[in-house]
Amino acid sequence: MDGGETLIVTIKKRAQILFAHGARDPRWAAPFQRLQQMTQASLPDVTVALAFLEFMTPSLPDLVKQMVDNDVIEISIVPIFLGRGGHVLRDLPILLDQLRSDYTGLTIKVAEAVGEDAMVLAAIRDYCIKVM
């Protein structure tokens, strides 16, 4: 550049939401909070946060609103559920439809429930073998 040109750098603001069920007992969230911290440490250029379906805050819609208000343009949602039960099959799609309607400029990607992933199942199997 010769000084007469302007370099424009666009920073893509991305986030990942670890989406868990929630519980009345706040101690229940401890492993999810550790997972969030571990994931954040591995993804320093991405905001990693927790959202909950019920009983705990923030809710998924509240967290997405906060992220959009902070100029996030791409969100990856990871359901931290062992299987595709009613919450993943019914509740999450309803929330996603509303979020996509509310935030048309936002890219939302959704992963499988973690328990559906072969690597996650292998890690759980290894743990089960280890404690035998």
C-alpha atoms as a PDB file:
ATOM      1  CA  MET A   1       0.000   0.000   0.000  1.00  0.00           C
ATOM      2  CA  ASP A   2       1.311   3.444  -0.868  1.00  0.00           C
ATOM      3  CA  GLY A   3      -0.485   5.365   1.869  1.00  0.00           C
ATOM      4  CA  GLY A   4      -3.302   6.545  -0.396  1.00  0.00           C
ATOM      5  CA  GLU A   5      -5.217   3.307  -0.088  1.00  0.00           C
ATOM      6  CA  THR A   6      -7.451   2.322   2.778  1.00  0.00           C
ATOM      7  CA  LEU A   7      -7.288  -1.209   4.068  1.00  0.00           C
ATOM      8  CA  ILE A   8     -10.656  -2.382   5.336  1.00  0.00           C
ATOM      9  CA  VAL A   9     -10.576  -5.412   7.606  1.00  0.00           C
ATOM     10  CA  THR A  10     -13.833  -7.134   8.334  1.00  0.00           C
ATOM     11  CA  ILE A  11     -13.911  -9.122  11.540  1.00  0.00           C
ATOM     12  CA  LYS A  12     -16.499 -11.842  11.439  1.00  0.00           C
ATOM     13  CA  LYS A  13     -18.131 -12.082  14.831  1.00  0.00           C
ATOM     14  CA  ARG A  14     -18.920 -15.696  15.586  1.00  0.00           C
ATOM     15  CA  ALA A  15     -20.316 -17.410  18.645  1.00  0.00           C
ATOM     16  CA  GLN A  16     -21.039 -20.901  19.841  1.00  0.00           C
ATOM     17  CA  ILE A  17     -23.855 -21.649  22.238  1.00  0.00           C
ATOM     18  CA  LEU A  18     -23.735 -24.811  24.289  1.00  0.00           C
ATOM     19  CA  PHE A  19     -27.435 -25.520  24.809  1.00  0.00           C
ATOM     20  CA  ALA A  20     -28.349 -27.666  27.812  1.00  0.00           C
ATOM     21  CA  HIS A  21     -31.557 -28.609  29.594  1.00  0.00           C
ATOM     22  CA  GLY A  22     -31.117 -26.801  32.909  1.00  0.00           C
ATOM     23  CA  ALA A  23     -32.090 -27.850  36.421  1.00  0.00           C
ATOM     24  CA  ARG A  24     -33.416 -26.373  39.638  1.00  0.00           C
ATOM     25  CA  ASP A  25     -30.195 -27.203  41.506  1.00  0.00           C
ATOM     26  CA  PRO A  26     -27.442 -24.789  40.399  1.00  0.00           C
ATOM     27  CA  ARG A  27     -24.774 -27.429  41.107  1.00  0.00           C
ATOM     28  CA  TRP A  28     -26.099 -29.371  38.119  1.00  0.00           C
ATOM     29  CA  ALA A  29     -24.557 -26.783  35.789  1.00  0.00           C
ATOM     30  CA  ALA A  30     -20.961 -27.258  37.019  1.00  0.00           C
ATOM     31  CA  PRO A  31     -19.841 -29.746  34.324  1.00  0.00           C
ATOM     32  CA  PHE A  32     -21.480 -27.622  31.622  1.00  0.00           C
ATOM     33  CA  GLN A  33     -19.668 -24.537  32.922  1.00  0.00           C
ATOM     34  CA  ARG A  34     -16.374 -26.460  32.800  1.00  0.00           C
ATOM     35  CA  LEU A  35     -17.173 -27.566  29.250  1.00  0.00           C
ATOM     36  CA  GLN A  36     -17.901 -23.958  28.302  1.00  0.00           C
ATOM     37  CA  GLN A  37     -14.584 -22.792  29.789  1.00  0.00           C
ATOM     38  CA  MET A  38     -12.628 -25.585  28.085  1.00  0.00           C
ATOM     39  CA  THR A  39     -14.292 -24.864  24.744  1.00  0.00           C
ATOM     40  CA  GLN A  40     -13.722 -21.119  25.093  1.00  0.00           C
ATOM     41  CA  ALA A  41     -10.024 -21.734  25.776  1.00  0.00           C
ATOM     42  CA  SER A  42      -9.818 -23.783  22.565  1.00  0.00           C
ATOM     43  CA  LEU A  43     -11.722 -21.208  20.483  1.00  0.00           C
ATOM     44  CA  PRO A  44     -10.272 -17.828  21.496  1.00  0.00           C
ATOM     45  CA  ASP A  45     -11.712 -16.015  18.446  1.00  0.00           C
ATOM     46  CA  VAL A  46     -15.246 -17.234  19.126  1.00  0.00           C
ATOM     47  CA  THR A  47     -17.548 -16.311  21.989  1.00  0.00           C
ATOM     48  CA  VAL A  48     -18.599 -19.535  23.725  1.00  0.00           C
ATOM     49  CA  ALA A  49     -21.555 -19.339  26.091  1.00  0.00           C
ATOM     50  CA  LEU A  50     -24.137 -21.525  27.809  1.00  0.00           C
ATOM     51  CA  ALA A  51     -27.899 -21.309  27.362  1.00  0.00           C
ATOM     52  CA  PHE A  52     -30.599 -23.400  28.950  1.00  0.00           C
ATOM     53  CA  LEU A  53     -33.994 -24.718  27.923  1.00  0.00           C
ATOM     54  CA  GLU A  54     -35.572 -24.317  31.351  1.00  0.00           C
ATOM     55  CA  PHE A  55     -34.972 -23.673  35.050  1.00  0.00           C
ATOM     56  CA  MET A  56     -31.708 -21.735  34.485  1.00  0.00           C
ATOM     57  CA  THR A  57     -30.627 -18.576  32.714  1.00  0.00           C
ATOM     58  CA  PRO A  58     -29.911 -17.403  30.178  1.00  0.00           C
ATOM     59  CA  SER A  59     -32.507 -18.916  27.907  1.00  0.00           C
ATOM     60  CA  LEU A  60     -31.547 -19.530  24.288  1.00  0.00           C
ATOM     61  CA  PRO A  61     -33.643 -16.599  22.970  1.00  0.00           C
ATOM     62  CA  ASP A  62     -32.227 -14.221  25.603  1.00  0.00           C
ATOM     63  CA  LEU A  63     -28.646 -15.214  24.853  1.00  0.00           C
ATOM     64  CA  VAL A  64     -29.103 -14.955  21.084  1.00  0.00           C
ATOM     65  CA  LYS A  65     -30.610 -11.469  21.510  1.00  0.00           C
ATOM     66  CA  GLN A  66     -27.639 -10.415  23.639  1.00  0.00           C
ATOM     67  CA  MET A  67     -25.225 -11.758  21.024  1.00  0.00           C
ATOM     68  CA  VAL A  68     -27.023 -10.032  18.145  1.00  0.00           C
ATOM     69  CA  ASP A  69     -26.990  -6.793  20.169  1.00  0.00           C
ATOM     70  CA  ASN A  70     -23.194  -7.263  20.336  1.00  0.00           C
ATOM     71  CA  ASP A  71     -22.942  -7.617  16.545  1.00  0.00           C
ATOM     72  CA  VAL A  72     -22.537 -11.387  16.365  1.00  0.00           C
ATOM     73  CA  ILE A  73     -23.486 -12.505  12.848  1.00  0.00           C
ATOM     74  CA  GLU A  74     -22.950 -16.274  13.022  1.00  0.00           C
ATOM     75  CA  ILE A  75     -23.988 -18.637  15.812  1.00  0.00           C
ATOM     76  CA  SER A  76     -23.365 -22.350  16.117  1.00  0.00           C
ATOM     77  CA  ILE A  77     -25.692 -24.093  18.574  1.00  0.00           C
ATOM     78  CA  VAL A  78     -24.543 -27.360  20.123  1.00  0.00           C
ATOM     79  CA  PRO A  79     -27.262 -29.283  21.976  1.00  0.00           C
ATOM     80  CA  ILE A  80     -25.552 -30.831  25.001  1.00  0.00           C
ATOM     81  CA  PHE A  81     -28.036 -33.689  25.210  1.00  0.00           C
ATOM     82  CA  LEU A  82     -27.160 -37.388  25.095  1.00  0.00           C
ATOM     83  CA  GLY A  83     -29.940 -38.189  22.658  1.00  0.00           C
ATOM     84  CA  ARG A  84     -32.584 -36.743  20.385  1.00  0.00           C
ATOM     85  CA  GLY A  85     -35.481 -36.805  22.788  1.00  0.00           C
ATOM     86  CA  GLY A  86     -38.446 -34.480  22.880  1.00  0.00           C
ATOM     87  CA  HIS A  87     -36.433 -31.391  23.731  1.00  0.00           C
ATOM     88  CA  VAL A  88     -34.136 -31.773  20.732  1.00  0.00           C
ATOM     89  CA  LEU A  89     -36.849 -33.007  18.373  1.00  0.00           C
ATOM     90  CA  ARG A  90     -39.697 -30.663  19.429  1.00  0.00           C
ATOM     91  CA  ASP A  91     -38.600 -27.775  21.627  1.00  0.00           C
ATOM     92  CA  LEU A  92     -35.360 -26.793  19.900  1.00  0.00           C
ATOM     93  CA  PRO A  93     -36.857 -26.582  16.364  1.00  0.00           C
ATOM     94  CA  ILE A  94     -39.612 -24.272  17.664  1.00  0.00           C
ATOM     95  CA  LEU A  95     -37.002 -22.012  19.275  1.00  0.00           C
ATOM     96  CA  LEU A  96     -34.881 -22.064  16.108  1.00  0.00           C
ATOM     97  CA  ASP A  97     -37.828 -21.151  13.875  1.00  0.00           C
ATOM     98  CA  GLN A  98     -38.583 -18.149  16.078  1.00  0.00           C
ATOM     99  CA  LEU A  99     -34.919 -17.065  16.220  1.00  0.00           C
ATOM    100  CA  ARG A 100     -34.546 -17.320  12.443  1.00  0.00           C
ATOM    101  CA  SER A 101     -37.717 -15.266  12.035  1.00  0.00           C
ATOM    102  CA  ASP A 102     -36.581 -12.625  14.547  1.00  0.00           C
ATOM    103  CA  TYR A 103     -32.998 -12.317  13.247  1.00  0.00           C
ATOM    104  CA  THR A 104     -33.079 -12.738   9.477  1.00  0.00           C
ATOM    105  CA  GLY A 105     -29.488 -11.494   9.039  1.00  0.00           C
ATOM    106  CA  LEU A 106     -28.095 -13.997  11.519  1.00  0.00           C
ATOM    107  CA  THR A 107     -26.588 -17.281  10.374  1.00  0.00           C
ATOM    108  CA  ILE A 108     -27.597 -20.072  12.766  1.00  0.00           C
ATOM    109  CA  LYS A 109     -26.068 -23.530  12.499  1.00  0.00           C
ATOM    110  CA  VAL A 110     -27.170 -26.414  14.698  1.00  0.00           C
ATOM    111  CA  ALA A 111     -25.118 -29.494  15.490  1.00  0.00           C
ATOM    112  CA  GLU A 112     -26.440 -32.925  16.371  1.00  0.00           C
ATOM    113  CA  ALA A 113     -27.050 -33.682  20.025  1.00  0.00           C
ATOM    114  CA  VAL A 114     -23.607 -34.487  21.432  1.00  0.00           C
ATOM    115  CA  GLY A 115     -24.657 -38.001  22.395  1.00  0.00           C
ATOM    116  CA  GLU A 116     -25.361 -38.798  18.744  1.00  0.00           C
ATOM    117  CA  ASP A 117     -21.711 -38.267  17.780  1.00  0.00           C
ATOM    118  CA  ALA A 118     -19.579 -41.422  17.427  1.00  0.00           C
ATOM    119  CA  MET A 119     -16.518 -39.773  19.034  1.00  0.00           C
ATOM    120  CA  VAL A 120     -18.539 -38.713  22.068  1.00  0.00           C
ATOM    121  CA  LEU A 121     -19.980 -42.200  22.449  1.00  0.00           C
ATOM    122  CA  ALA A 122     -16.486 -43.689  22.154  1.00  0.00           C
ATOM    123  CA  ALA A 123     -15.231 -41.340  24.890  1.00  0.00           C
ATOM    124  CA  ILE A 124     -18.115 -42.377  27.164  1.00  0.00           C
ATOM    125  CA  ARG A 125     -17.431 -46.034  26.376  1.00  0.00           C
ATOM    126  CA  ASP A 126     -13.761 -45.537  27.245  1.00  0.00           C
ATOM    127  CA  TYR A 127     -14.746 -43.964  30.536  1.00  0.00           C
ATOM    128  CA  CYS A 128     -17.086 -46.873  31.311  1.00  0.00           C
ATOM    129  CA  ILE A 129     -14.287 -49.358  30.569  1.00  0.00           C
ATOM    130  CA  LYS A 130     -11.835 -47.380  32.677  1.00  0.00           C
ATOM    131  CA  VAL A 131     -14.036 -47.455  35.778  1.00  0.00           C
ATOM    132  CA  MET A 132     -14.750 -51.205  35.497  1.00  0.00           C
END
